[in-house]
N, C-alpha and C. Protein backbone atom coordinates (compact mmCIF):
# COMPACT_ATOMS: atom_id res chain seq x y z
N MET A 1 39.67 -9.07 4.33
CA MET A 1 38.57 -8.22 3.90
C MET A 1 38.91 -6.79 4.31
N SER A 2 38.75 -5.87 3.37
CA SER A 2 39.05 -4.47 3.66
C SER A 2 37.95 -3.87 4.53
N ALA A 3 38.28 -2.74 5.14
CA ALA A 3 37.31 -2.06 6.02
C ALA A 3 36.09 -1.60 5.24
N SER A 4 36.30 -1.13 4.00
CA SER A 4 35.15 -0.65 3.21
C SER A 4 34.24 -1.80 2.78
N SER A 5 34.82 -2.95 2.42
CA SER A 5 33.96 -4.08 2.04
C SER A 5 33.26 -4.67 3.26
N ALA A 6 33.90 -4.61 4.42
CA ALA A 6 33.24 -5.07 5.66
C ALA A 6 32.06 -4.17 5.99
N LYS A 7 32.24 -2.85 5.80
CA LYS A 7 31.14 -1.90 6.03
C LYS A 7 29.99 -2.18 5.07
N ALA A 8 30.33 -2.44 3.80
CA ALA A 8 29.30 -2.72 2.80
C ALA A 8 28.54 -4.00 3.15
N THR A 9 29.26 -5.02 3.61
CA THR A 9 28.62 -6.28 4.01
C THR A 9 27.70 -6.06 5.20
N ASP A 10 28.18 -5.30 6.20
CA ASP A 10 27.35 -4.99 7.37
C ASP A 10 26.10 -4.24 6.96
N LYS A 11 26.25 -3.28 6.05
CA LYS A 11 25.12 -2.48 5.59
C LYS A 11 24.11 -3.37 4.86
N ALA A 12 24.60 -4.27 3.99
CA ALA A 12 23.71 -5.17 3.25
C ALA A 12 22.96 -6.10 4.21
N THR A 13 23.66 -6.61 5.22
CA THR A 13 23.01 -7.48 6.21
C THR A 13 21.95 -6.71 6.98
N GLU A 14 22.28 -5.48 7.38
CA GLU A 14 21.33 -4.65 8.12
C GLU A 14 20.10 -4.36 7.26
N THR A 15 20.32 -4.03 5.98
CA THR A 15 19.21 -3.72 5.08
C THR A 15 18.35 -4.94 4.83
N SER A 16 18.96 -6.11 4.59
CA SER A 16 18.16 -7.31 4.34
C SER A 16 17.34 -7.68 5.57
N GLY A 17 17.88 -7.43 6.77
CA GLY A 17 17.12 -7.65 7.99
C GLY A 17 15.92 -6.73 8.09
N MET A 18 16.06 -5.52 7.57
CA MET A 18 14.96 -4.57 7.59
C MET A 18 13.83 -5.00 6.66
N LEU A 19 14.16 -5.86 5.69
CA LEU A 19 13.14 -6.35 4.77
C LEU A 19 12.38 -7.54 5.35
N GLN A 20 12.72 -7.94 6.56
CA GLN A 20 12.01 -8.99 7.30
C GLN A 20 11.37 -8.33 8.52
N PRO A 21 10.23 -7.67 8.33
CA PRO A 21 9.65 -6.90 9.43
C PRO A 21 9.20 -7.77 10.60
N SER A 22 9.28 -7.15 11.78
CA SER A 22 8.85 -7.83 13.00
C SER A 22 7.58 -7.20 13.57
N CYS A 23 7.18 -6.06 13.00
CA CYS A 23 5.97 -5.37 13.45
C CYS A 23 5.51 -4.43 12.33
N ARG A 24 4.39 -3.76 12.54
CA ARG A 24 3.87 -2.87 11.50
C ARG A 24 4.81 -1.70 11.24
N LYS A 25 5.49 -1.22 12.26
CA LYS A 25 6.42 -0.10 12.10
C LYS A 25 7.60 -0.49 11.20
N THR A 26 8.17 -1.68 11.44
CA THR A 26 9.29 -2.11 10.60
C THR A 26 8.80 -2.53 9.21
N ALA A 27 7.55 -2.94 9.10
CA ALA A 27 6.99 -3.23 7.77
C ALA A 27 6.91 -1.94 6.96
N ALA A 28 6.47 -0.85 7.58
CA ALA A 28 6.42 0.44 6.88
C ALA A 28 7.82 0.87 6.46
N ARG A 29 8.80 0.65 7.33
CA ARG A 29 10.19 0.99 7.00
C ARG A 29 10.68 0.13 5.83
N ALA A 30 10.33 -1.15 5.82
CA ALA A 30 10.73 -2.03 4.73
C ALA A 30 10.09 -1.59 3.41
N LEU A 31 8.85 -1.14 3.48
CA LEU A 31 8.19 -0.64 2.27
C LEU A 31 8.90 0.61 1.75
N SER A 32 9.47 1.42 2.63
CA SER A 32 10.21 2.60 2.17
C SER A 32 11.49 2.19 1.44
N ILE A 33 12.05 1.03 1.78
CA ILE A 33 13.21 0.52 1.05
C ILE A 33 12.79 0.10 -0.35
N VAL A 34 11.61 -0.51 -0.47
CA VAL A 34 11.08 -0.85 -1.80
C VAL A 34 10.88 0.44 -2.60
N ARG A 35 10.29 1.46 -1.96
CA ARG A 35 10.08 2.75 -2.63
C ARG A 35 11.40 3.31 -3.15
N ASP A 36 12.45 3.26 -2.33
CA ASP A 36 13.75 3.76 -2.75
C ASP A 36 14.27 2.99 -3.96
N GLY A 37 14.04 1.68 -3.98
CA GLY A 37 14.45 0.86 -5.12
C GLY A 37 13.67 1.22 -6.38
N VAL A 38 12.39 1.53 -6.22
CA VAL A 38 11.57 1.95 -7.37
C VAL A 38 12.10 3.28 -7.91
N ILE A 39 12.44 4.19 -7.01
CA ILE A 39 12.92 5.51 -7.43
C ILE A 39 14.27 5.43 -8.13
N THR A 40 15.23 4.72 -7.53
CA THR A 40 16.60 4.73 -8.05
C THR A 40 16.93 3.57 -8.98
N GLY A 41 16.17 2.48 -8.88
CA GLY A 41 16.51 1.29 -9.65
C GLY A 41 17.63 0.50 -9.00
N GLU A 42 17.99 0.87 -7.77
CA GLU A 42 19.10 0.23 -7.05
C GLU A 42 18.64 -0.15 -5.65
N GLY A 43 19.45 -0.98 -4.99
CA GLY A 43 19.15 -1.33 -3.61
C GLY A 43 18.86 -2.81 -3.45
N PRO A 44 18.59 -3.21 -2.22
CA PRO A 44 18.43 -4.64 -1.93
C PRO A 44 17.23 -5.29 -2.62
N THR A 45 16.22 -4.52 -2.96
CA THR A 45 15.05 -5.11 -3.61
C THR A 45 15.24 -5.27 -5.11
N THR A 46 16.32 -4.73 -5.65
CA THR A 46 16.56 -4.82 -7.09
C THR A 46 17.79 -5.66 -7.43
N LYS A 47 18.46 -6.19 -6.43
CA LYS A 47 19.68 -6.97 -6.66
C LYS A 47 19.42 -8.15 -7.58
N GLY A 48 20.37 -8.36 -8.50
CA GLY A 48 20.32 -9.52 -9.37
C GLY A 48 19.35 -9.40 -10.54
N ARG A 49 18.85 -8.22 -10.79
CA ARG A 49 17.93 -8.05 -11.93
C ARG A 49 18.07 -6.63 -12.49
N ILE A 50 17.69 -6.49 -13.71
CA ILE A 50 17.68 -5.16 -14.33
C ILE A 50 16.44 -4.44 -13.85
N HIS A 51 16.63 -3.24 -13.32
CA HIS A 51 15.51 -2.46 -12.79
C HIS A 51 15.74 -1.00 -13.16
N PHE A 52 14.84 -0.46 -13.94
CA PHE A 52 14.95 0.94 -14.34
C PHE A 52 14.37 1.83 -13.26
N SER A 53 14.95 3.02 -13.11
CA SER A 53 14.43 3.94 -12.10
C SER A 53 13.02 4.39 -12.48
N ARG A 54 12.24 4.67 -11.44
CA ARG A 54 10.86 5.12 -11.56
C ARG A 54 9.95 4.08 -12.22
N THR A 55 10.34 2.81 -12.13
CA THR A 55 9.55 1.72 -12.69
C THR A 55 9.16 0.75 -11.58
N LEU A 56 7.90 0.35 -11.59
CA LEU A 56 7.41 -0.64 -10.63
C LEU A 56 7.11 -1.91 -11.42
N ASP A 57 7.79 -3.00 -11.07
CA ASP A 57 7.58 -4.25 -11.79
C ASP A 57 6.96 -5.31 -10.87
N ALA A 58 6.76 -6.49 -11.42
CA ALA A 58 6.12 -7.57 -10.67
C ALA A 58 6.92 -7.95 -9.42
N ASP A 59 8.26 -7.87 -9.50
CA ASP A 59 9.08 -8.19 -8.33
C ASP A 59 8.88 -7.17 -7.22
N ASP A 60 8.74 -5.89 -7.58
CA ASP A 60 8.47 -4.85 -6.58
C ASP A 60 7.13 -5.11 -5.89
N ALA A 61 6.12 -5.44 -6.68
CA ALA A 61 4.80 -5.74 -6.12
C ALA A 61 4.88 -6.97 -5.20
N ALA A 62 5.67 -7.96 -5.61
CA ALA A 62 5.84 -9.16 -4.78
C ALA A 62 6.56 -8.83 -3.47
N TRP A 63 7.57 -7.96 -3.52
CA TRP A 63 8.24 -7.51 -2.29
C TRP A 63 7.22 -6.89 -1.34
N CYS A 64 6.38 -6.01 -1.87
CA CYS A 64 5.37 -5.34 -1.04
C CYS A 64 4.43 -6.36 -0.41
N ALA A 65 3.97 -7.31 -1.21
CA ALA A 65 3.05 -8.33 -0.70
C ALA A 65 3.72 -9.17 0.39
N ARG A 66 4.99 -9.56 0.17
CA ARG A 66 5.71 -10.35 1.19
C ARG A 66 5.86 -9.57 2.49
N ILE A 67 6.23 -8.31 2.37
CA ILE A 67 6.43 -7.47 3.56
C ILE A 67 5.12 -7.33 4.34
N LEU A 68 4.03 -7.11 3.62
CA LEU A 68 2.74 -6.89 4.28
C LEU A 68 2.11 -8.15 4.86
N THR A 69 2.59 -9.31 4.46
CA THR A 69 1.95 -10.55 4.91
C THR A 69 2.86 -11.46 5.73
N VAL A 70 3.99 -10.94 6.20
CA VAL A 70 4.85 -11.79 7.05
C VAL A 70 4.06 -12.20 8.29
N ILE A 71 4.40 -13.33 8.83
CA ILE A 71 3.63 -13.90 9.94
C ILE A 71 3.55 -12.97 11.15
N GLU A 72 4.58 -12.14 11.34
CA GLU A 72 4.59 -11.25 12.50
C GLU A 72 3.49 -10.20 12.46
N VAL A 73 2.97 -9.89 11.27
CA VAL A 73 1.92 -8.86 11.16
C VAL A 73 0.63 -9.40 10.55
N GLU A 74 0.60 -10.68 10.23
CA GLU A 74 -0.53 -11.26 9.50
C GLU A 74 -1.89 -10.99 10.15
N HIS A 75 -1.96 -11.03 11.45
CA HIS A 75 -3.25 -10.87 12.13
C HIS A 75 -3.47 -9.47 12.70
N GLN A 76 -2.65 -8.52 12.24
CA GLN A 76 -2.82 -7.12 12.65
C GLN A 76 -3.38 -6.34 11.47
N PRO A 77 -4.20 -5.34 11.71
CA PRO A 77 -4.70 -4.53 10.60
C PRO A 77 -3.56 -3.75 9.94
N VAL A 78 -3.70 -3.48 8.67
CA VAL A 78 -2.71 -2.67 7.96
C VAL A 78 -2.70 -1.28 8.60
N SER A 79 -1.53 -0.78 8.89
CA SER A 79 -1.41 0.51 9.58
C SER A 79 -1.43 1.68 8.59
N ARG A 80 -1.69 2.85 9.12
CA ARG A 80 -1.67 4.07 8.30
C ARG A 80 -0.28 4.28 7.70
N ALA A 81 0.77 4.03 8.48
CA ALA A 81 2.14 4.21 7.97
C ALA A 81 2.42 3.26 6.80
N GLU A 82 1.92 2.04 6.88
CA GLU A 82 2.11 1.10 5.77
C GLU A 82 1.36 1.57 4.53
N VAL A 83 0.13 2.04 4.70
CA VAL A 83 -0.65 2.52 3.56
C VAL A 83 0.01 3.76 2.96
N GLU A 84 0.49 4.66 3.80
CA GLU A 84 1.17 5.85 3.29
C GLU A 84 2.43 5.47 2.51
N ALA A 85 3.16 4.46 2.98
CA ALA A 85 4.34 3.98 2.24
C ALA A 85 3.93 3.41 0.89
N LEU A 86 2.81 2.70 0.84
CA LEU A 86 2.32 2.18 -0.45
C LEU A 86 1.93 3.32 -1.39
N PHE A 87 1.29 4.36 -0.86
CA PHE A 87 0.97 5.53 -1.70
C PHE A 87 2.26 6.16 -2.23
N GLU A 88 3.30 6.23 -1.42
CA GLU A 88 4.58 6.79 -1.86
C GLU A 88 5.19 5.94 -2.97
N ILE A 89 5.09 4.63 -2.85
CA ILE A 89 5.58 3.74 -3.91
C ILE A 89 4.80 4.00 -5.19
N SER A 90 3.49 4.10 -5.07
CA SER A 90 2.65 4.36 -6.24
C SER A 90 3.03 5.68 -6.91
N ASP A 91 3.24 6.72 -6.09
CA ASP A 91 3.62 8.02 -6.63
C ASP A 91 5.00 7.99 -7.29
N ALA A 92 5.91 7.17 -6.76
CA ALA A 92 7.28 7.11 -7.28
C ALA A 92 7.37 6.41 -8.63
N ALA A 93 6.40 5.57 -8.94
CA ALA A 93 6.47 4.74 -10.14
C ALA A 93 5.82 5.44 -11.33
N ALA A 94 6.64 5.90 -12.25
CA ALA A 94 6.12 6.52 -13.47
C ALA A 94 5.69 5.46 -14.48
N GLU A 95 6.34 4.32 -14.43
CA GLU A 95 6.04 3.21 -15.33
C GLU A 95 5.65 1.99 -14.51
N ARG A 96 4.75 1.17 -15.07
CA ARG A 96 4.31 -0.06 -14.39
C ARG A 96 4.46 -1.24 -15.33
N SER A 97 4.95 -2.34 -14.79
CA SER A 97 5.00 -3.59 -15.56
C SER A 97 4.68 -4.76 -14.63
N ASP A 98 3.65 -4.56 -13.80
CA ASP A 98 3.29 -5.57 -12.80
C ASP A 98 1.91 -6.17 -13.03
N ASP A 99 1.32 -5.91 -14.19
CA ASP A 99 0.00 -6.45 -14.55
C ASP A 99 -1.09 -6.09 -13.54
N GLY A 100 -0.97 -4.93 -12.90
CA GLY A 100 -2.01 -4.46 -11.99
C GLY A 100 -1.94 -5.01 -10.58
N ARG A 101 -0.94 -5.84 -10.29
CA ARG A 101 -0.86 -6.46 -8.95
C ARG A 101 -0.67 -5.41 -7.85
N PHE A 102 0.17 -4.40 -8.10
CA PHE A 102 0.39 -3.40 -7.05
C PHE A 102 -0.88 -2.59 -6.78
N ASP A 103 -1.59 -2.18 -7.83
CA ASP A 103 -2.83 -1.42 -7.62
C ASP A 103 -3.84 -2.23 -6.82
N ASP A 104 -3.94 -3.53 -7.11
CA ASP A 104 -4.83 -4.41 -6.36
C ASP A 104 -4.41 -4.48 -4.89
N LEU A 105 -3.11 -4.63 -4.66
CA LEU A 105 -2.59 -4.69 -3.29
C LEU A 105 -2.85 -3.38 -2.55
N LEU A 106 -2.62 -2.26 -3.21
CA LEU A 106 -2.85 -0.95 -2.59
C LEU A 106 -4.32 -0.77 -2.21
N ALA A 107 -5.22 -1.10 -3.13
CA ALA A 107 -6.65 -0.95 -2.84
C ALA A 107 -7.07 -1.82 -1.65
N LYS A 108 -6.57 -3.05 -1.61
CA LYS A 108 -6.93 -3.95 -0.52
C LYS A 108 -6.32 -3.49 0.81
N ALA A 109 -5.09 -2.98 0.77
CA ALA A 109 -4.46 -2.48 1.99
C ALA A 109 -5.21 -1.26 2.52
N VAL A 110 -5.64 -0.37 1.61
CA VAL A 110 -6.42 0.80 2.01
C VAL A 110 -7.74 0.36 2.64
N ALA A 111 -8.42 -0.59 2.01
CA ALA A 111 -9.69 -1.07 2.54
C ALA A 111 -9.49 -1.72 3.92
N HIS A 112 -8.43 -2.49 4.06
CA HIS A 112 -8.13 -3.16 5.33
C HIS A 112 -7.91 -2.12 6.42
N HIS A 113 -7.12 -1.09 6.09
CA HIS A 113 -6.84 -0.03 7.07
C HIS A 113 -8.10 0.76 7.42
N THR A 114 -8.85 1.20 6.40
CA THR A 114 -10.02 2.03 6.68
C THR A 114 -11.08 1.26 7.47
N ALA A 115 -11.26 -0.01 7.15
CA ALA A 115 -12.24 -0.82 7.88
C ALA A 115 -11.81 -0.99 9.34
N SER A 116 -10.54 -1.35 9.55
CA SER A 116 -10.09 -1.57 10.93
C SER A 116 -10.09 -0.28 11.74
N GLU A 117 -9.71 0.84 11.12
CA GLU A 117 -9.72 2.13 11.83
C GLU A 117 -11.15 2.55 12.18
N SER A 118 -12.11 2.02 11.45
CA SER A 118 -13.52 2.33 11.71
C SER A 118 -14.15 1.34 12.68
N GLY A 119 -13.34 0.44 13.22
CA GLY A 119 -13.83 -0.52 14.20
C GLY A 119 -14.50 -1.74 13.61
N LEU A 120 -14.33 -1.95 12.32
CA LEU A 120 -14.93 -3.12 11.66
C LEU A 120 -13.95 -4.29 11.66
N PRO A 121 -14.46 -5.50 11.68
CA PRO A 121 -13.57 -6.66 11.65
C PRO A 121 -12.94 -6.81 10.26
N VAL A 122 -11.69 -7.26 10.24
CA VAL A 122 -11.01 -7.50 8.97
C VAL A 122 -10.38 -8.89 9.01
N PRO A 123 -10.29 -9.55 7.86
CA PRO A 123 -9.66 -10.87 7.83
C PRO A 123 -8.15 -10.74 7.97
N PRO A 124 -7.45 -11.84 8.20
CA PRO A 124 -5.99 -11.79 8.23
C PRO A 124 -5.45 -11.23 6.91
N ARG A 125 -4.30 -10.61 6.97
CA ARG A 125 -3.71 -10.00 5.78
C ARG A 125 -3.51 -11.00 4.65
N THR A 126 -3.11 -12.24 4.99
CA THR A 126 -2.86 -13.23 3.94
C THR A 126 -4.12 -13.52 3.14
N VAL A 127 -5.27 -13.36 3.74
CA VAL A 127 -6.55 -13.54 3.04
C VAL A 127 -6.93 -12.24 2.32
N ALA A 128 -6.96 -11.14 3.07
CA ALA A 128 -7.44 -9.87 2.53
C ALA A 128 -6.60 -9.34 1.39
N LEU A 129 -5.28 -9.51 1.45
CA LEU A 129 -4.39 -8.93 0.44
C LEU A 129 -4.05 -9.89 -0.69
N SER A 130 -4.58 -11.09 -0.63
CA SER A 130 -4.28 -12.09 -1.66
C SER A 130 -4.88 -11.70 -3.00
N PRO A 131 -4.13 -11.92 -4.09
CA PRO A 131 -4.69 -11.64 -5.42
C PRO A 131 -5.88 -12.55 -5.75
N ASP A 132 -6.01 -13.65 -5.01
CA ASP A 132 -7.10 -14.59 -5.24
C ASP A 132 -8.38 -14.23 -4.49
N THR A 133 -8.31 -13.23 -3.61
CA THR A 133 -9.47 -12.82 -2.82
C THR A 133 -10.07 -11.56 -3.42
N ASP A 134 -11.36 -11.61 -3.73
CA ASP A 134 -12.05 -10.42 -4.22
C ASP A 134 -12.25 -9.45 -3.06
N ILE A 135 -11.95 -8.19 -3.30
CA ILE A 135 -12.07 -7.17 -2.26
C ILE A 135 -13.52 -7.06 -1.78
N GLU A 136 -14.46 -7.31 -2.68
CA GLU A 136 -15.88 -7.22 -2.32
C GLU A 136 -16.29 -8.28 -1.31
N SER A 137 -15.51 -9.35 -1.18
CA SER A 137 -15.88 -10.43 -0.27
C SER A 137 -15.67 -10.07 1.20
N TRP A 138 -14.93 -9.01 1.48
CA TRP A 138 -14.68 -8.66 2.88
C TRP A 138 -14.70 -7.16 3.17
N ALA A 139 -14.47 -6.32 2.19
CA ALA A 139 -14.40 -4.87 2.44
C ALA A 139 -15.79 -4.31 2.72
N PRO A 140 -15.88 -3.27 3.54
CA PRO A 140 -17.18 -2.66 3.84
C PRO A 140 -17.80 -2.10 2.56
N ALA A 141 -19.11 -2.26 2.44
CA ALA A 141 -19.80 -1.81 1.24
C ALA A 141 -20.67 -0.58 1.49
N GLN A 142 -20.64 -0.04 2.69
CA GLN A 142 -21.49 1.12 2.99
C GLN A 142 -20.69 2.18 3.73
N ALA A 143 -20.87 3.43 3.28
CA ALA A 143 -20.13 4.55 3.88
C ALA A 143 -20.50 4.78 5.33
N ASN A 144 -21.74 4.46 5.70
CA ASN A 144 -22.14 4.75 7.08
C ASN A 144 -21.39 3.90 8.10
N LYS A 145 -20.66 2.89 7.63
CA LYS A 145 -19.87 2.06 8.54
C LYS A 145 -18.43 2.57 8.67
N ILE A 146 -18.04 3.51 7.81
CA ILE A 146 -16.66 4.01 7.80
C ILE A 146 -16.58 5.34 8.54
N ASP A 147 -15.62 5.47 9.40
CA ASP A 147 -15.38 6.70 10.17
C ASP A 147 -15.08 7.85 9.21
N THR A 148 -15.75 8.99 9.38
CA THR A 148 -15.56 10.12 8.45
C THR A 148 -14.14 10.66 8.50
N LYS A 149 -13.47 10.59 9.63
CA LYS A 149 -12.08 11.06 9.71
C LYS A 149 -11.17 10.18 8.84
N VAL A 150 -11.47 8.90 8.78
CA VAL A 150 -10.71 7.99 7.93
C VAL A 150 -10.96 8.32 6.47
N LEU A 151 -12.22 8.61 6.12
CA LEU A 151 -12.54 9.00 4.74
C LEU A 151 -11.85 10.30 4.36
N GLU A 152 -11.79 11.25 5.28
CA GLU A 152 -11.10 12.51 5.00
C GLU A 152 -9.61 12.28 4.77
N TRP A 153 -9.01 11.41 5.59
CA TRP A 153 -7.60 11.08 5.40
C TRP A 153 -7.39 10.45 4.02
N LEU A 154 -8.27 9.52 3.65
CA LEU A 154 -8.16 8.85 2.36
C LEU A 154 -8.31 9.85 1.21
N ALA A 155 -9.26 10.77 1.33
CA ALA A 155 -9.44 11.80 0.29
C ALA A 155 -8.17 12.62 0.15
N GLY A 156 -7.53 12.95 1.25
CA GLY A 156 -6.28 13.70 1.21
C GLY A 156 -5.17 12.92 0.53
N GLN A 157 -5.13 11.61 0.74
CA GLN A 157 -4.11 10.78 0.10
C GLN A 157 -4.33 10.69 -1.41
N MET A 158 -5.59 10.67 -1.83
CA MET A 158 -5.90 10.48 -3.25
C MET A 158 -5.92 11.79 -4.03
N ARG A 159 -6.07 12.89 -3.36
CA ARG A 159 -6.20 14.19 -4.02
C ARG A 159 -4.92 14.53 -4.78
N GLY A 160 -5.08 14.89 -6.03
CA GLY A 160 -3.97 15.38 -6.84
C GLY A 160 -2.95 14.33 -7.24
N LYS A 161 -3.31 13.08 -7.26
CA LYS A 161 -2.36 12.03 -7.63
C LYS A 161 -2.16 12.04 -9.14
N ARG A 162 -0.89 11.83 -9.54
CA ARG A 162 -0.55 11.77 -10.96
C ARG A 162 -1.24 10.61 -11.65
N ARG A 163 -1.22 9.47 -11.00
CA ARG A 163 -1.71 8.24 -11.62
C ARG A 163 -2.94 7.77 -10.86
N ALA A 164 -4.00 7.55 -11.59
CA ALA A 164 -5.24 7.08 -10.97
C ALA A 164 -5.16 5.57 -10.75
N ASN A 165 -5.53 5.14 -9.58
CA ASN A 165 -5.63 3.72 -9.27
C ASN A 165 -7.11 3.38 -9.41
N HIS A 166 -7.47 2.79 -10.53
CA HIS A 166 -8.88 2.53 -10.82
C HIS A 166 -9.51 1.54 -9.85
N THR A 167 -8.72 0.56 -9.39
CA THR A 167 -9.24 -0.40 -8.40
C THR A 167 -9.59 0.32 -7.11
N LEU A 168 -8.68 1.18 -6.66
CA LEU A 168 -8.91 1.94 -5.43
C LEU A 168 -10.06 2.92 -5.61
N ALA A 169 -10.10 3.62 -6.73
CA ALA A 169 -11.17 4.59 -6.98
C ALA A 169 -12.53 3.90 -7.01
N ALA A 170 -12.61 2.72 -7.63
CA ALA A 170 -13.88 1.99 -7.68
C ALA A 170 -14.30 1.54 -6.28
N MET A 171 -13.32 1.07 -5.49
CA MET A 171 -13.63 0.65 -4.13
C MET A 171 -14.13 1.83 -3.31
N VAL A 172 -13.46 2.96 -3.40
CA VAL A 172 -13.86 4.14 -2.64
C VAL A 172 -15.23 4.63 -3.11
N ALA A 173 -15.45 4.64 -4.41
CA ALA A 173 -16.75 5.08 -4.94
C ALA A 173 -17.87 4.17 -4.44
N THR A 174 -17.61 2.88 -4.38
CA THR A 174 -18.61 1.93 -3.88
C THR A 174 -18.87 2.15 -2.40
N VAL A 175 -17.80 2.28 -1.63
CA VAL A 175 -17.94 2.45 -0.19
C VAL A 175 -18.57 3.80 0.14
N VAL A 176 -18.09 4.84 -0.53
CA VAL A 176 -18.53 6.19 -0.20
C VAL A 176 -19.88 6.50 -0.83
N GLY A 177 -20.11 6.05 -2.03
CA GLY A 177 -21.38 6.25 -2.73
C GLY A 177 -22.05 7.59 -2.45
N ALA A 178 -22.21 8.43 -3.43
CA ALA A 178 -22.75 9.78 -3.24
C ALA A 178 -24.11 9.77 -2.54
N ALA A 179 -24.90 8.75 -2.78
CA ALA A 179 -26.23 8.71 -2.16
C ALA A 179 -26.15 8.51 -0.65
N ALA A 180 -25.08 7.88 -0.18
CA ALA A 180 -24.95 7.60 1.25
C ALA A 180 -24.30 8.74 2.02
N LEU A 181 -23.80 9.74 1.29
CA LEU A 181 -23.06 10.81 1.95
C LEU A 181 -23.94 11.94 2.45
N PRO A 182 -23.64 12.44 3.61
CA PRO A 182 -24.27 13.69 4.01
C PRO A 182 -23.77 14.79 3.07
N LEU A 183 -24.58 15.78 2.82
CA LEU A 183 -24.24 16.85 1.89
C LEU A 183 -22.90 17.50 2.21
N ALA A 184 -22.55 17.64 3.47
CA ALA A 184 -21.30 18.30 3.85
C ALA A 184 -20.07 17.53 3.38
N GLN A 185 -20.19 16.21 3.16
CA GLN A 185 -19.03 15.42 2.73
C GLN A 185 -18.87 15.38 1.22
N LEU A 186 -19.87 15.76 0.47
CA LEU A 186 -19.81 15.65 -0.98
C LEU A 186 -18.63 16.39 -1.60
N PRO A 187 -18.26 17.60 -1.16
CA PRO A 187 -17.10 18.26 -1.76
C PRO A 187 -15.82 17.45 -1.65
N SER A 188 -15.64 16.72 -0.58
CA SER A 188 -14.43 15.90 -0.43
C SER A 188 -14.39 14.81 -1.48
N VAL A 189 -15.52 14.22 -1.78
CA VAL A 189 -15.56 13.18 -2.81
C VAL A 189 -15.31 13.79 -4.17
N LEU A 190 -15.87 14.96 -4.42
CA LEU A 190 -15.62 15.63 -5.70
C LEU A 190 -14.15 15.95 -5.86
N ASP A 191 -13.47 16.32 -4.78
CA ASP A 191 -12.04 16.60 -4.84
C ASP A 191 -11.26 15.37 -5.26
N MET A 192 -11.74 14.18 -4.90
CA MET A 192 -11.04 12.96 -5.26
C MET A 192 -11.21 12.66 -6.75
N GLY A 193 -12.11 13.34 -7.41
CA GLY A 193 -12.31 13.09 -8.83
C GLY A 193 -13.08 11.83 -9.12
N LEU A 194 -13.90 11.40 -8.19
CA LEU A 194 -14.63 10.15 -8.39
C LEU A 194 -15.98 10.36 -9.04
N LEU A 195 -16.53 11.56 -8.96
CA LEU A 195 -17.86 11.79 -9.52
C LEU A 195 -17.76 12.53 -10.83
């Protein structure tokens, strides 16, 4: 085996290990590898299949779901770094062919993170992020239960996005609801384009 092929094998082994997260930090790192695959159409998450750059397909969504629900993180709330990585994947994908699975996963991950950051109980990730679980069955339904700093962070993440995530926008609109907001918070919701 040549030195260059040995290096390539070591790199592939190292990268595939990164796709098996052991904590929320390595899960966020693994999601960045998925993002890179979406951007370039190359990498460990696209091996063995045709993948166009800037396209998010069902396999990419499945990679994200697997990373977010590995047993090592199943009973931990979704972290801000993981949610930010999902937003980056969403931003990177100009085309979608995943039948809405990624948008559903993103909305549920955001709800899981915002609820847990606000001190609310959340179900295990395998339940909360499952395509078979309705977000309404566990996500908070009232803005007064959500920490305003978390809502401000979420507004910043959603502001100026190229592609609207209707599942996420509907969840935020339900949770935030203009009637439940103090007047001072209304401009932030308007910035999100929800009203």
